[in-house]
Amino acid sequence: MRTTCLKWLALALVTLVLHMNAHAQWPEKPIRVLVAFAPGGLVDTMARTIQPQLSQNLGQPIIIENRGGAGGTLAETALAKSAPDGYTLLMAVDSVPANPHLYKGLTYDTFKDLQPVTMLARVPLVLITHPKVPATNLAELVKYIRQQDGKFAYASPGTGTSNHLYMELFKSVSNTDMIHVPYKGGSPAMNDLMGGQVDAMLISVTLAMPQIKAGKVQAIAVTSDKRLPGMPQVSTFTEAGYADFTPHTWGGLFAPAGIPAPILQKLHAEVAKVARTPEVVNRLRDLGAEVVLNSPAEFGAQLKSSYDKMGELIKVRKIVGE
């Protein structure tokens, strides 16, 4: 009996050592990063910004695969079904905590099947209007919207997108009534705003800045904590009296739930190392983004808080994802 027990103990120790060695050697093959939206967007740009240096540091190719559709849930589903071995990851945006409320019948559980790694960076939003709108600041705009008796129209990249949800939140905090006009993407929404078919849009500073500088749209207020160097004349929502309205869009990295702790720790450390390099910091700053790099636990807690807040908003406004 004693001999048998010793054999089992030895086998268990060997298995444990081999298991630990496998984790220590990660990665041993290319890593696939699913991006929840189409090429050229903010989250895609974030992923491609860290890709070269991260690949070099890890010694393996990093393959970016754009898997857009259904508000990011197609990519989230693919990640949830992937092996938790560190070879399939997901770069997603702030739609993640809202999606369970918007899309019924999802085959995964956001908080059981997805493992937060880190929020890479966040970007403030800017409320922009067509130049025909007779308002140059938030107080004037709110007054004008109220005078329109519900005819003021704002655009979004689609029903259920964070841009849509945040504007619905602003309607609540500002006690205004507006018409939502959803588009299939940010580009067509911006085109119609510049053409005067709609009046306003809340969008990331990254995507709005070129049109603001060109004078094709006018900036009313930003959700940042302080005024932005690129447009110091534009006040923050806090300065304008809306201190509770400070949403940001963000890009965050996820792994499948069950990823071994040593791999999760190494992945977080390597991403943080790359994201803190001057080249990446400057590139993200050019996009209007602020590097965050919180811990998996901190990121998870933030997701849960957003999940609760967005759920209440979606329920009250009776919003259904497309």
C-alpha atoms as a PDB file:
ATOM      1  CA  MET A   1       0.000   0.000   0.000  1.00  0.00           C
ATOM      2  CA  ARG A   2       2.806   2.388   0.926  1.00  0.00           C
ATOM      3  CA  THR A   3       4.605   1.656  -2.328  1.00  0.00           C
ATOM      4  CA  THR A   4       1.441   2.354  -4.316  1.00  0.00           C
ATOM      5  CA  CYS A   5       0.877   5.652  -2.525  1.00  0.00           C
ATOM      6  CA  LEU A   6       4.459   6.716  -3.207  1.00  0.00           C
ATOM      7  CA  LYS A   7       4.026   5.906  -6.901  1.00  0.00           C
ATOM      8  CA  TRP A   8       0.845   7.972  -7.101  1.00  0.00           C
ATOM      9  CA  LEU A   9       2.555  10.849  -5.278  1.00  0.00           C
ATOM     10  CA  ALA A  10       5.514  10.718  -7.641  1.00  0.00           C
ATOM     11  CA  LEU A  11       3.202  10.683 -10.654  1.00  0.00           C
ATOM     12  CA  ALA A  12       1.264  13.640  -9.282  1.00  0.00           C
ATOM     13  CA  LEU A  13       4.485  15.601  -8.736  1.00  0.00           C
ATOM     14  CA  VAL A  14       5.702  14.847 -12.248  1.00  0.00           C
ATOM     15  CA  THR A  15       2.345  15.933 -13.693  1.00  0.00           C
ATOM     16  CA  LEU A  16       2.442  19.142 -11.653  1.00  0.00           C
ATOM     17  CA  VAL A  17       5.988  19.953 -12.792  1.00  0.00           C
ATOM     18  CA  LEU A  18       5.091  19.319 -16.437  1.00  0.00           C
ATOM     19  CA  HIS A  19       1.976  21.486 -16.032  1.00  0.00           C
ATOM     20  CA  MET A  20       3.996  24.313 -14.512  1.00  0.00           C
ATOM     21  CA  ASN A  21       6.658  24.032 -17.216  1.00  0.00           C
ATOM     22  CA  ALA A  22       4.001  24.255 -19.920  1.00  0.00           C
ATOM     23  CA  HIS A  23       2.728  27.489 -18.390  1.00  0.00           C
ATOM     24  CA  ALA A  24       6.260  28.835 -17.988  1.00  0.00           C
ATOM     25  CA  GLN A  25       6.994  28.222 -21.674  1.00  0.00           C
ATOM     26  CA  TRP A  26       3.906  30.077 -22.917  1.00  0.00           C
ATOM     27  CA  PRO A  27       3.665  31.109 -25.677  1.00  0.00           C
ATOM     28  CA  GLU A  28       4.955  28.346 -27.915  1.00  0.00           C
ATOM     29  CA  LYS A  29       2.868  29.168 -30.988  1.00  0.00           C
ATOM     30  CA  PRO A  30       1.110  32.171 -32.589  1.00  0.00           C
ATOM     31  CA  ILE A  31      -1.506  34.045 -30.580  1.00  0.00           C
ATOM     32  CA  ARG A  32      -4.807  35.026 -32.152  1.00  0.00           C
ATOM     33  CA  VAL A  33      -6.418  38.300 -31.059  1.00  0.00           C
ATOM     34  CA  LEU A  34     -10.057  38.680 -32.038  1.00  0.00           C
ATOM     35  CA  VAL A  35     -11.102  42.293 -32.563  1.00  0.00           C
ATOM     36  CA  ALA A  36     -14.812  42.828 -31.982  1.00  0.00           C
ATOM     37  CA  PHE A  37     -15.235  45.408 -34.749  1.00  0.00           C
ATOM     38  CA  ALA A  38     -14.184  46.140 -38.321  1.00  0.00           C
ATOM     39  CA  PRO A  39     -10.667  47.214 -39.378  1.00  0.00           C
ATOM     40  CA  GLY A  40      -9.820  50.879 -38.981  1.00  0.00           C
ATOM     41  CA  GLY A  41     -11.943  51.527 -35.906  1.00  0.00           C
ATOM     42  CA  LEU A  42     -10.680  52.655 -32.529  1.00  0.00           C
ATOM     43  CA  VAL A  43     -10.349  49.241 -30.885  1.00  0.00           C
ATOM     44  CA  ASP A  44      -8.739  47.789 -34.026  1.00  0.00           C
ATOM     45  CA  THR A  45      -6.195  50.617 -34.009  1.00  0.00           C
ATOM     46  CA  MET A  46      -5.446  49.987 -30.327  1.00  0.00           C
ATOM     47  CA  ALA A  47      -4.811  46.299 -31.000  1.00  0.00           C
ATOM     48  CA  ARG A  48      -2.531  47.023 -33.934  1.00  0.00           C
ATOM     49  CA  THR A  49      -0.653  49.657 -31.920  1.00  0.00           C
ATOM     50  CA  ILE A  50       0.594  47.108 -29.386  1.00  0.00           C
ATOM     51  CA  GLN A  51       0.833  44.181 -31.813  1.00  0.00           C
ATOM     52  CA  PRO A  52       4.415  44.589 -33.177  1.00  0.00           C
ATOM     53  CA  GLN A  53       6.220  45.099 -29.871  1.00  0.00           C
ATOM     54  CA  LEU A  54       4.129  42.521 -28.021  1.00  0.00           C
ATOM     55  CA  SER A  55       4.884  39.968 -30.711  1.00  0.00           C
ATOM     56  CA  GLN A  56       8.581  40.732 -30.475  1.00  0.00           C
ATOM     57  CA  ASN A  57       8.628  40.500 -26.685  1.00  0.00           C
ATOM     58  CA  LEU A  58       6.717  37.206 -26.612  1.00  0.00           C
ATOM     59  CA  GLY A  59       8.680  35.721 -29.490  1.00  0.00           C
ATOM     60  CA  GLN A  60       5.572  34.617 -31.383  1.00  0.00           C
ATOM     61  CA  PRO A  61       3.402  36.084 -34.159  1.00  0.00           C
ATOM     62  CA  ILE A  62       0.256  37.845 -33.035  1.00  0.00           C
ATOM     63  CA  ILE A  63      -2.526  37.456 -35.574  1.00  0.00           C
ATOM     64  CA  ILE A  64      -5.332  40.003 -35.468  1.00  0.00           C
ATOM     65  CA  GLU A  65      -8.671  38.698 -36.684  1.00  0.00           C
ATOM     66  CA  ASN A  66     -11.525  41.165 -37.084  1.00  0.00           C
ATOM     67  CA  ARG A  67     -14.774  39.500 -36.032  1.00  0.00           C
ATOM     68  CA  GLY A  68     -17.372  42.275 -36.158  1.00  0.00           C
ATOM     69  CA  GLY A  69     -21.129  42.020 -35.866  1.00  0.00           C
ATOM     70  CA  ALA A  70     -24.001  42.105 -33.374  1.00  0.00           C
ATOM     71  CA  GLY A  71     -22.429  44.742 -31.152  1.00  0.00           C
ATOM     72  CA  GLY A  72     -19.323  42.649 -30.551  1.00  0.00           C
ATOM     73  CA  THR A  73     -21.197  39.547 -29.384  1.00  0.00           C
ATOM     74  CA  LEU A  74     -19.944  37.422 -32.303  1.00  0.00           C
ATOM     75  CA  ALA A  75     -16.362  37.923 -31.168  1.00  0.00           C
ATOM     76  CA  GLU A  76     -17.308  37.467 -27.519  1.00  0.00           C
ATOM     77  CA  THR A  77     -19.019  34.167 -28.368  1.00  0.00           C
ATOM     78  CA  ALA A  78     -15.954  32.964 -30.269  1.00  0.00           C
ATOM     79  CA  LEU A  79     -13.698  33.790 -27.318  1.00  0.00           C
ATOM     80  CA  ALA A  80     -15.992  32.065 -24.816  1.00  0.00           C
ATOM     81  CA  LYS A  81     -15.838  28.880 -26.893  1.00  0.00           C
ATOM     82  CA  SER A  82     -12.028  28.969 -27.215  1.00  0.00           C
ATOM     83  CA  ALA A  83      -9.620  26.884 -25.187  1.00  0.00           C
ATOM     84  CA  PRO A  84      -8.394  28.766 -22.081  1.00  0.00           C
ATOM     85  CA  ASP A  85      -4.735  28.320 -22.994  1.00  0.00           C
ATOM     86  CA  GLY A  86      -3.691  31.897 -23.767  1.00  0.00           C
ATOM     87  CA  TYR A  87      -3.653  31.444 -27.539  1.00  0.00           C
ATOM     88  CA  THR A  88      -6.988  33.149 -28.244  1.00  0.00           C
ATOM     89  CA  LEU A  89      -7.670  36.622 -26.870  1.00  0.00           C
ATOM     90  CA  LEU A  90     -10.202  39.370 -27.489  1.00  0.00           C
ATOM     91  CA  MET A  91      -9.881  43.126 -27.824  1.00  0.00           C
ATOM     92  CA  ALA A  92     -13.312  44.626 -27.167  1.00  0.00           C
ATOM     93  CA  VAL A  93     -14.927  47.921 -26.241  1.00  0.00           C
ATOM     94  CA  ASP A  94     -17.354  49.310 -23.698  1.00  0.00           C
ATOM     95  CA  SER A  95     -20.293  47.464 -25.240  1.00  0.00           C
ATOM     96  CA  VAL A  96     -19.264  44.298 -23.350  1.00  0.00           C
ATOM     97  CA  PRO A  97     -21.179  45.020 -20.099  1.00  0.00           C
ATOM     98  CA  ALA A  98     -24.278  46.233 -21.981  1.00  0.00           C
ATOM     99  CA  ASN A  99     -24.565  43.338 -24.422  1.00  0.00           C
ATOM    100  CA  PRO A 100     -26.178  40.819 -22.019  1.00  0.00           C
ATOM    101  CA  HIS A 101     -29.048  43.277 -21.531  1.00  0.00           C
ATOM    102  CA  LEU A 102     -29.425  43.991 -25.254  1.00  0.00           C
ATOM    103  CA  TYR A 103     -29.130  40.559 -26.834  1.00  0.00           C
ATOM    104  CA  LYS A 104     -31.296  37.769 -25.535  1.00  0.00           C
ATOM    105  CA  GLY A 105     -30.289  34.170 -26.070  1.00  0.00           C
ATOM    106  CA  LEU A 106     -26.526  34.677 -25.852  1.00  0.00           C
ATOM    107  CA  THR A 107     -24.751  31.340 -25.556  1.00  0.00           C
ATOM    108  CA  TYR A 108     -22.169  32.639 -23.106  1.00  0.00           C
ATOM    109  CA  ASP A 109     -22.143  34.374 -19.745  1.00  0.00           C
ATOM    110  CA  THR A 110     -20.065  37.555 -19.749  1.00  0.00           C
ATOM    111  CA  PHE A 111     -18.923  37.138 -16.162  1.00  0.00           C
ATOM    112  CA  LYS A 112     -18.466  33.361 -16.166  1.00  0.00           C
ATOM    113  CA  ASP A 113     -16.978  32.773 -19.608  1.00  0.00           C
ATOM    114  CA  LEU A 114     -14.829  35.862 -20.209  1.00  0.00           C
ATOM    115  CA  GLN A 115     -11.743  36.670 -18.148  1.00  0.00           C
ATOM    116  CA  PRO A 116     -10.847  40.389 -18.027  1.00  0.00           C
ATOM    117  CA  VAL A 117      -7.118  40.967 -18.523  1.00  0.00           C
ATOM    118  CA  THR A 118      -6.810  44.753 -18.554  1.00  0.00           C
ATOM    119  CA  MET A 119      -8.389  47.921 -19.859  1.00  0.00           C
ATOM    120  CA  LEU A 120      -5.715  49.073 -22.262  1.00  0.00           C
ATOM    121  CA  ALA A 121      -6.845  52.656 -22.732  1.00  0.00           C
ATOM    122  CA  ARG A 122      -9.882  54.895 -22.590  1.00  0.00           C
ATOM    123  CA  VAL A 123     -10.951  57.764 -24.832  1.00  0.00           C
ATOM    124  CA  PRO A 124     -13.230  60.674 -23.928  1.00  0.00           C
ATOM    125  CA  LEU A 125     -16.322  61.395 -25.992  1.00  0.00           C
ATOM    126  CA  VAL A 126     -17.285  64.691 -27.557  1.00  0.00           C
ATOM    127  CA  LEU A 127     -20.762  65.972 -28.314  1.00  0.00           C
ATOM    128  CA  ILE A 128     -20.705  67.443 -31.810  1.00  0.00           C
ATOM    129  CA  THR A 129     -23.366  69.202 -33.860  1.00  0.00           C
ATOM    130  CA  HIS A 130     -23.859  70.356 -37.422  1.00  0.00           C
ATOM    131  CA  PRO A 131     -22.744  74.004 -37.838  1.00  0.00           C
ATOM    132  CA  LYS A 132     -26.355  75.028 -38.577  1.00  0.00           C
ATOM    133  CA  VAL A 133     -27.312  74.304 -34.947  1.00  0.00           C
ATOM    134  CA  PRO A 134     -27.362  77.728 -33.217  1.00  0.00           C
ATOM    135  CA  ALA A 135     -25.420  76.739 -30.095  1.00  0.00           C
ATOM    136  CA  THR A 136     -21.753  77.066 -29.188  1.00  0.00           C
ATOM    137  CA  ASN A 137     -21.858  75.605 -25.678  1.00  0.00           C
ATOM    138  CA  LEU A 138     -23.823  73.014 -23.731  1.00  0.00           C
ATOM    139  CA  ALA A 139     -26.183  75.442 -22.010  1.00  0.00           C
ATOM    140  CA  GLU A 140     -27.211  76.943 -25.349  1.00  0.00           C
ATOM    141  CA  LEU A 141     -27.588  73.495 -26.906  1.00  0.00           C
ATOM    142  CA  VAL A 142     -29.817  72.159 -24.134  1.00  0.00           C
ATOM    143  CA  LYS A 143     -32.013  75.245 -24.395  1.00  0.00           C
ATOM    144  CA  TYR A 144     -32.242  74.829 -28.176  1.00  0.00           C
ATOM    145  CA  ILE A 145     -33.093  71.109 -27.918  1.00  0.00           C
ATOM    146  CA  ARG A 146     -35.930  71.862 -25.528  1.00  0.00           C
ATOM    147  CA  GLN A 147     -37.309  74.422 -27.971  1.00  0.00           C
ATOM    148  CA  GLN A 148     -37.500  71.778 -30.729  1.00  0.00           C
ATOM    149  CA  ASP A 149     -40.294  69.804 -29.032  1.00  0.00           C
ATOM    150  CA  GLY A 150     -38.721  66.411 -29.675  1.00  0.00           C
ATOM    151  CA  LYS A 151     -37.680  67.124 -33.275  1.00  0.00           C
ATOM    152  CA  PHE A 152     -33.951  67.429 -32.558  1.00  0.00           C
ATOM    153  CA  ALA A 153     -32.253  64.334 -34.059  1.00  0.00           C
ATOM    154  CA  TYR A 154     -29.036  62.682 -32.969  1.00  0.00           C
ATOM    155  CA  ALA A 155     -27.145  59.962 -34.817  1.00  0.00           C
ATOM    156  CA  SER A 156     -25.424  56.852 -33.526  1.00  0.00           C
ATOM    157  CA  PRO A 157     -23.450  53.994 -35.139  1.00  0.00           C
ATOM    158  CA  GLY A 158     -26.357  51.693 -34.314  1.00  0.00           C
ATOM    159  CA  THR A 159     -29.046  50.811 -31.798  1.00  0.00           C
ATOM    160  CA  GLY A 160     -27.526  49.547 -28.578  1.00  0.00           C
ATOM    161  CA  THR A 161     -24.055  50.922 -29.240  1.00  0.00           C
ATOM    162  CA  SER A 162     -22.445  52.784 -26.377  1.00  0.00           C
ATOM    163  CA  ASN A 163     -22.852  56.034 -28.350  1.00  0.00           C
ATOM    164  CA  HIS A 164     -26.604  55.421 -28.383  1.00  0.00           C
ATOM    165  CA  LEU A 165     -26.794  54.413 -24.726  1.00  0.00           C
ATOM    166  CA  TYR A 166     -24.746  57.381 -23.525  1.00  0.00           C
ATOM    167  CA  MET A 167     -26.919  59.821 -25.463  1.00  0.00           C
ATOM    168  CA  GLU A 168     -29.998  58.250 -23.882  1.00  0.00           C
ATOM    169  CA  LEU A 169     -28.298  58.777 -20.533  1.00  0.00           C
ATOM    170  CA  PHE A 170     -27.644  62.407 -21.417  1.00  0.00           C
ATOM    171  CA  LYS A 171     -31.320  62.834 -22.315  1.00  0.00           C
ATOM    172  CA  SER A 172     -32.107  61.716 -18.782  1.00  0.00           C
ATOM    173  CA  VAL A 173     -29.626  63.933 -16.963  1.00  0.00           C
ATOM    174  CA  SER A 174     -30.417  66.988 -19.117  1.00  0.00           C
ATOM    175  CA  ASN A 175     -34.198  66.456 -19.182  1.00  0.00           C
ATOM    176  CA  THR A 176     -34.331  66.765 -22.963  1.00  0.00           C
ATOM    177  CA  ASP A 177     -36.203  64.919 -25.704  1.00  0.00           C
ATOM    178  CA  MET A 178     -34.427  63.902 -28.920  1.00  0.00           C
ATOM    179  CA  ILE A 179     -34.995  61.555 -31.839  1.00  0.00           C
ATOM    180  CA  HIS A 180     -32.510  58.696 -32.186  1.00  0.00           C
ATOM    181  CA  VAL A 181     -31.395  57.961 -35.755  1.00  0.00           C
ATOM    182  CA  PRO A 182     -29.331  54.751 -35.858  1.00  0.00           C
ATOM    183  CA  TYR A 183     -26.841  53.984 -38.646  1.00  0.00           C
ATOM    184  CA  LYS A 184     -24.826  50.915 -39.544  1.00  0.00           C
ATOM    185  CA  GLY A 185     -21.504  52.299 -38.405  1.00  0.00           C
ATOM    186  CA  GLY A 186     -19.828  55.519 -37.384  1.00  0.00           C
ATOM    187  CA  SER A 187     -18.827  56.638 -40.895  1.00  0.00           C
ATOM    188  CA  PRO A 188     -22.334  56.866 -42.379  1.00  0.00           C
ATOM    189  CA  ALA A 189     -23.540  58.543 -39.198  1.00  0.00           C
ATOM    190  CA  MET A 190     -20.783  61.142 -39.443  1.00  0.00           C
ATOM    191  CA  ASN A 191     -21.469  61.685 -43.146  1.00  0.00           C
ATOM    192  CA  ASP A 192     -25.129  62.473 -42.507  1.00  0.00           C
ATOM    193  CA  LEU A 193     -24.223  64.743 -39.609  1.00  0.00           C
ATOM    194  CA  MET A 194     -21.857  66.707 -41.833  1.00  0.00           C
ATOM    195  CA  GLY A 195     -24.583  66.805 -44.481  1.00  0.00           C
ATOM    196  CA  GLY A 196     -27.119  68.218 -42.041  1.00  0.00           C
ATOM    197  CA  GLN A 197     -29.517  65.249 -42.151  1.00  0.00           C
ATOM    198  CA  VAL A 198     -29.133  64.902 -38.369  1.00  0.00           C
ATOM    199  CA  ASP A 199     -28.269  67.480 -35.748  1.00  0.00           C
ATOM    200  CA  ALA A 200     -25.800  65.914 -33.324  1.00  0.00           C
ATOM    201  CA  MET A 201     -23.778  62.900 -32.277  1.00  0.00           C
ATOM    202  CA  LEU A 202     -21.754  61.767 -29.278  1.00  0.00           C
ATOM    203  CA  ILE A 203     -18.583  60.107 -30.513  1.00  0.00           C
ATOM    204  CA  SER A 204     -14.993  59.432 -29.502  1.00  0.00           C
ATOM    205  CA  VAL A 205     -12.606  62.359 -29.726  1.00  0.00           C
ATOM    206  CA  THR A 206     -10.409  60.184 -31.956  1.00  0.00           C
ATOM    207  CA  LEU A 207     -13.015  59.918 -34.697  1.00  0.00           C
ATOM    208  CA  ALA A 208     -14.384  63.443 -34.342  1.00  0.00           C
ATOM    209  CA  MET A 209     -11.168  65.476 -34.223  1.00  0.00           C
ATOM    210  CA  PRO A 210     -10.454  65.605 -37.992  1.00  0.00           C
ATOM    211  CA  GLN A 211     -13.965  66.851 -38.760  1.00  0.00           C
ATOM    212  CA  ILE A 212     -13.833  69.367 -35.915  1.00  0.00           C
ATOM    213  CA  LYS A 213     -10.520  70.765 -37.169  1.00  0.00           C
ATOM    214  CA  ALA A 214     -11.920  70.946 -40.702  1.00  0.00           C
ATOM    215  CA  GLY A 215     -14.898  72.952 -39.465  1.00  0.00           C
ATOM    216  CA  LYS A 216     -17.386  70.390 -40.773  1.00  0.00           C
ATOM    217  CA  VAL A 217     -18.880  69.896 -37.300  1.00  0.00           C
ATOM    218  CA  GLN A 218     -18.723  71.923 -34.122  1.00  0.00           C
ATOM    219  CA  ALA A 219     -17.661  70.608 -30.719  1.00  0.00           C
ATOM    220  CA  ILE A 220     -19.957  71.422 -27.814  1.00  0.00           C
ATOM    221  CA  ALA A 221     -18.516  69.574 -24.782  1.00  0.00           C
ATOM    222  CA  VAL A 222     -16.165  66.713 -23.910  1.00  0.00           C
ATOM    223  CA  THR A 223     -16.561  63.986 -21.283  1.00  0.00           C
ATOM    224  CA  SER A 224     -12.920  64.179 -20.180  1.00  0.00           C
ATOM    225  CA  ASP A 225     -11.876  65.124 -16.654  1.00  0.00           C
ATOM    226  CA  LYS A 226     -10.254  68.305 -17.937  1.00  0.00           C
ATOM    227  CA  ARG A 227     -10.138  70.246 -21.182  1.00  0.00           C
ATOM    228  CA  LEU A 228      -8.223  68.583 -23.989  1.00  0.00           C
ATOM    229  CA  PRO A 229      -5.013  70.125 -25.361  1.00  0.00           C
ATOM    230  CA  GLY A 230      -6.260  69.634 -28.913  1.00  0.00           C
ATOM    231  CA  MET A 231      -9.350  71.790 -28.327  1.00  0.00           C
ATOM    232  CA  PRO A 232      -8.872  73.873 -25.173  1.00  0.00           C
ATOM    233  CA  GLN A 233     -11.814  76.102 -26.103  1.00  0.00           C
ATOM    234  CA  VAL A 234     -14.297  73.258 -25.587  1.00  0.00           C
ATOM    235  CA  SER A 235     -15.592  72.865 -22.044  1.00  0.00           C
ATOM    236  CA  THR A 236     -16.066  69.583 -20.221  1.00  0.00           C
ATOM    237  CA  PHE A 237     -19.531  68.346 -19.271  1.00  0.00           C
ATOM    238  CA  THR A 238     -18.500  68.801 -15.640  1.00  0.00           C
ATOM    239  CA  GLU A 239     -17.693  72.472 -16.196  1.00  0.00           C
ATOM    240  CA  ALA A 240     -21.052  72.869 -17.906  1.00  0.00           C
ATOM    241  CA  GLY A 241     -22.899  71.536 -14.863  1.00  0.00           C
ATOM    242  CA  TYR A 242     -23.140  67.809 -15.676  1.00  0.00           C
ATOM    243  CA  ALA A 243     -20.580  66.331 -13.303  1.00  0.00           C
ATOM    244  CA  ASP A 244     -22.255  62.911 -13.378  1.00  0.00           C
ATOM    245  CA  PHE A 245     -21.909  62.607 -17.147  1.00  0.00           C
ATOM    246  CA  THR A 246     -18.334  61.522 -17.835  1.00  0.00           C
ATOM    247  CA  PRO A 247     -18.547  58.359 -19.986  1.00  0.00           C
ATOM    248  CA  HIS A 248     -15.517  57.220 -21.981  1.00  0.00           C
ATOM    249  CA  THR A 249     -15.155  54.582 -24.633  1.00  0.00           C
ATOM    250  CA  TRP A 250     -12.388  52.076 -23.979  1.00  0.00           C
ATOM    251  CA  GLY A 251     -10.478  49.186 -25.450  1.00  0.00           C
ATOM    252  CA  GLY A 252      -9.907  46.195 -23.200  1.00  0.00           C
ATOM    253  CA  LEU A 253      -8.249  42.802 -23.470  1.00  0.00           C
ATOM    254  CA  PHE A 254     -10.034  39.568 -22.525  1.00  0.00           C
ATOM    255  CA  ALA A 255      -9.130  35.880 -22.359  1.00  0.00           C
ATOM    256  CA  PRO A 256     -11.369  32.831 -21.997  1.00  0.00           C
ATOM    257  CA  ALA A 257     -12.355  32.064 -18.404  1.00  0.00           C
ATOM    258  CA  GLY A 258     -10.182  29.372 -16.880  1.00  0.00           C
ATOM    259  CA  ILE A 259      -6.925  30.640 -18.340  1.00  0.00           C
ATOM    260  CA  PRO A 260      -4.136  29.480 -15.970  1.00  0.00           C
ATOM    261  CA  ALA A 261      -3.093  32.144 -13.475  1.00  0.00           C
ATOM    262  CA  PRO A 262       0.600  32.105 -14.532  1.00  0.00           C
ATOM    263  CA  ILE A 263      -0.360  32.792 -18.162  1.00  0.00           C
ATOM    264  CA  LEU A 264      -2.820  35.517 -17.160  1.00  0.00           C
ATOM    265  CA  GLN A 265      -0.165  37.190 -15.015  1.00  0.00           C
ATOM    266  CA  LYS A 266       2.470  36.995 -17.750  1.00  0.00           C
ATOM    267  CA  LEU A 267       0.042  38.282 -20.374  1.00  0.00           C
ATOM    268  CA  HIS A 268      -0.951  41.229 -18.217  1.00  0.00           C
ATOM    269  CA  ALA A 269       2.680  42.046 -17.428  1.00  0.00           C
ATOM    270  CA  GLU A 270       3.773  41.890 -21.078  1.00  0.00           C
ATOM    271  CA  VAL A 271       0.879  44.015 -22.327  1.00  0.00           C
ATOM    272  CA  ALA A 272       1.559  46.577 -19.603  1.00  0.00           C
ATOM    273  CA  LYS A 273       5.251  46.658 -20.485  1.00  0.00           C
ATOM    274  CA  VAL A 274       4.496  47.356 -24.145  1.00  0.00           C
ATOM    275  CA  ALA A 275       1.738  49.888 -23.447  1.00  0.00           C
ATOM    276  CA  ARG A 276       4.070  51.928 -21.244  1.00  0.00           C
ATOM    277  CA  THR A 277       6.725  52.363 -23.930  1.00  0.00           C
ATOM    278  CA  PRO A 278       7.033  55.954 -25.217  1.00  0.00           C
ATOM    279  CA  GLU A 279       6.145  54.863 -28.765  1.00  0.00           C
ATOM    280  CA  VAL A 280       2.843  53.292 -27.748  1.00  0.00           C
ATOM    281  CA  VAL A 281       1.966  55.992 -25.216  1.00  0.00           C
ATOM    282  CA  ASN A 282       2.537  58.688 -27.844  1.00  0.00           C
ATOM    283  CA  ARG A 283       0.566  56.799 -30.490  1.00  0.00           C
ATOM    284  CA  LEU A 284      -2.384  56.327 -28.142  1.00  0.00           C
ATOM    285  CA  ARG A 285      -2.151  59.954 -27.081  1.00  0.00           C
ATOM    286  CA  ASP A 286      -2.363  60.948 -30.747  1.00  0.00           C
ATOM    287  CA  LEU A 287      -5.638  59.003 -30.835  1.00  0.00           C
ATOM    288  CA  GLY A 288      -6.879  60.989 -27.838  1.00  0.00           C
ATOM    289  CA  ALA A 289      -6.508  57.924 -25.641  1.00  0.00           C
ATOM    290  CA  GLU A 290      -5.266  57.660 -22.068  1.00  0.00           C
ATOM    291  CA  VAL A 291      -3.425  54.479 -21.047  1.00  0.00           C
ATOM    292  CA  VAL A 292      -5.153  52.744 -18.100  1.00  0.00           C
ATOM    293  CA  LEU A 293      -3.711  49.217 -17.575  1.00  0.00           C
ATOM    294  CA  ASN A 294      -5.726  48.222 -14.516  1.00  0.00           C
ATOM    295  CA  SER A 295      -5.514  44.756 -12.970  1.00  0.00           C
ATOM    296  CA  PRO A 296      -7.825  41.886 -13.978  1.00  0.00           C
ATOM    297  CA  ALA A 297      -9.706  42.280 -10.688  1.00  0.00           C
ATOM    298  CA  GLU A 298     -10.092  46.048 -11.097  1.00  0.00           C
ATOM    299  CA  PHE A 299     -11.214  45.650 -14.692  1.00  0.00           C
ATOM    300  CA  GLY A 300     -13.733  43.010 -13.659  1.00  0.00           C
ATOM    301  CA  ALA A 301     -15.175  45.235 -10.926  1.00  0.00           C
ATOM    302  CA  GLN A 302     -15.567  48.097 -13.384  1.00  0.00           C
ATOM    303  CA  LEU A 303     -17.358  45.818 -15.842  1.00  0.00           C
ATOM    304  CA  LYS A 304     -19.807  44.729 -13.147  1.00  0.00           C
ATOM    305  CA  SER A 305     -20.526  48.337 -12.180  1.00  0.00           C
ATOM    306  CA  SER A 306     -21.147  49.272 -15.821  1.00  0.00           C
ATOM    307  CA  TYR A 307     -23.307  46.179 -16.278  1.00  0.00           C
ATOM    308  CA  ASP A 308     -25.620  47.297 -13.463  1.00  0.00           C
ATOM    309  CA  LYS A 309     -25.851  50.910 -14.655  1.00  0.00           C
ATOM    310  CA  MET A 310     -26.379  50.069 -18.313  1.00  0.00           C
ATOM    311  CA  GLY A 311     -28.943  47.428 -17.412  1.00  0.00           C
ATOM    312  CA  GLU A 312     -31.082  49.943 -15.564  1.00  0.00           C
ATOM    313  CA  LEU A 313     -30.842  52.453 -18.430  1.00  0.00           C
ATOM    314  CA  ILE A 314     -31.707  49.832 -21.065  1.00  0.00           C
ATOM    315  CA  LYS A 315     -34.686  48.660 -19.012  1.00  0.00           C
ATOM    316  CA  VAL A 316     -36.064  52.162 -18.446  1.00  0.00           C
ATOM    317  CA  ARG A 317     -35.552  53.213 -22.074  1.00  0.00           C
ATOM    318  CA  LYS A 318     -36.754  49.845 -23.436  1.00  0.00           C
ATOM    319  CA  ILE A 319     -33.764  49.517 -25.765  1.00  0.00           C
ATOM    320  CA  VAL A 320     -33.290  46.328 -27.781  1.00  0.00           C
ATOM    321  CA  GLY A 321     -30.105  45.465 -29.664  1.00  0.00           C
ATOM    322  CA  GLU A 322     -30.182  45.122 -33.441  1.00  0.00           C
END
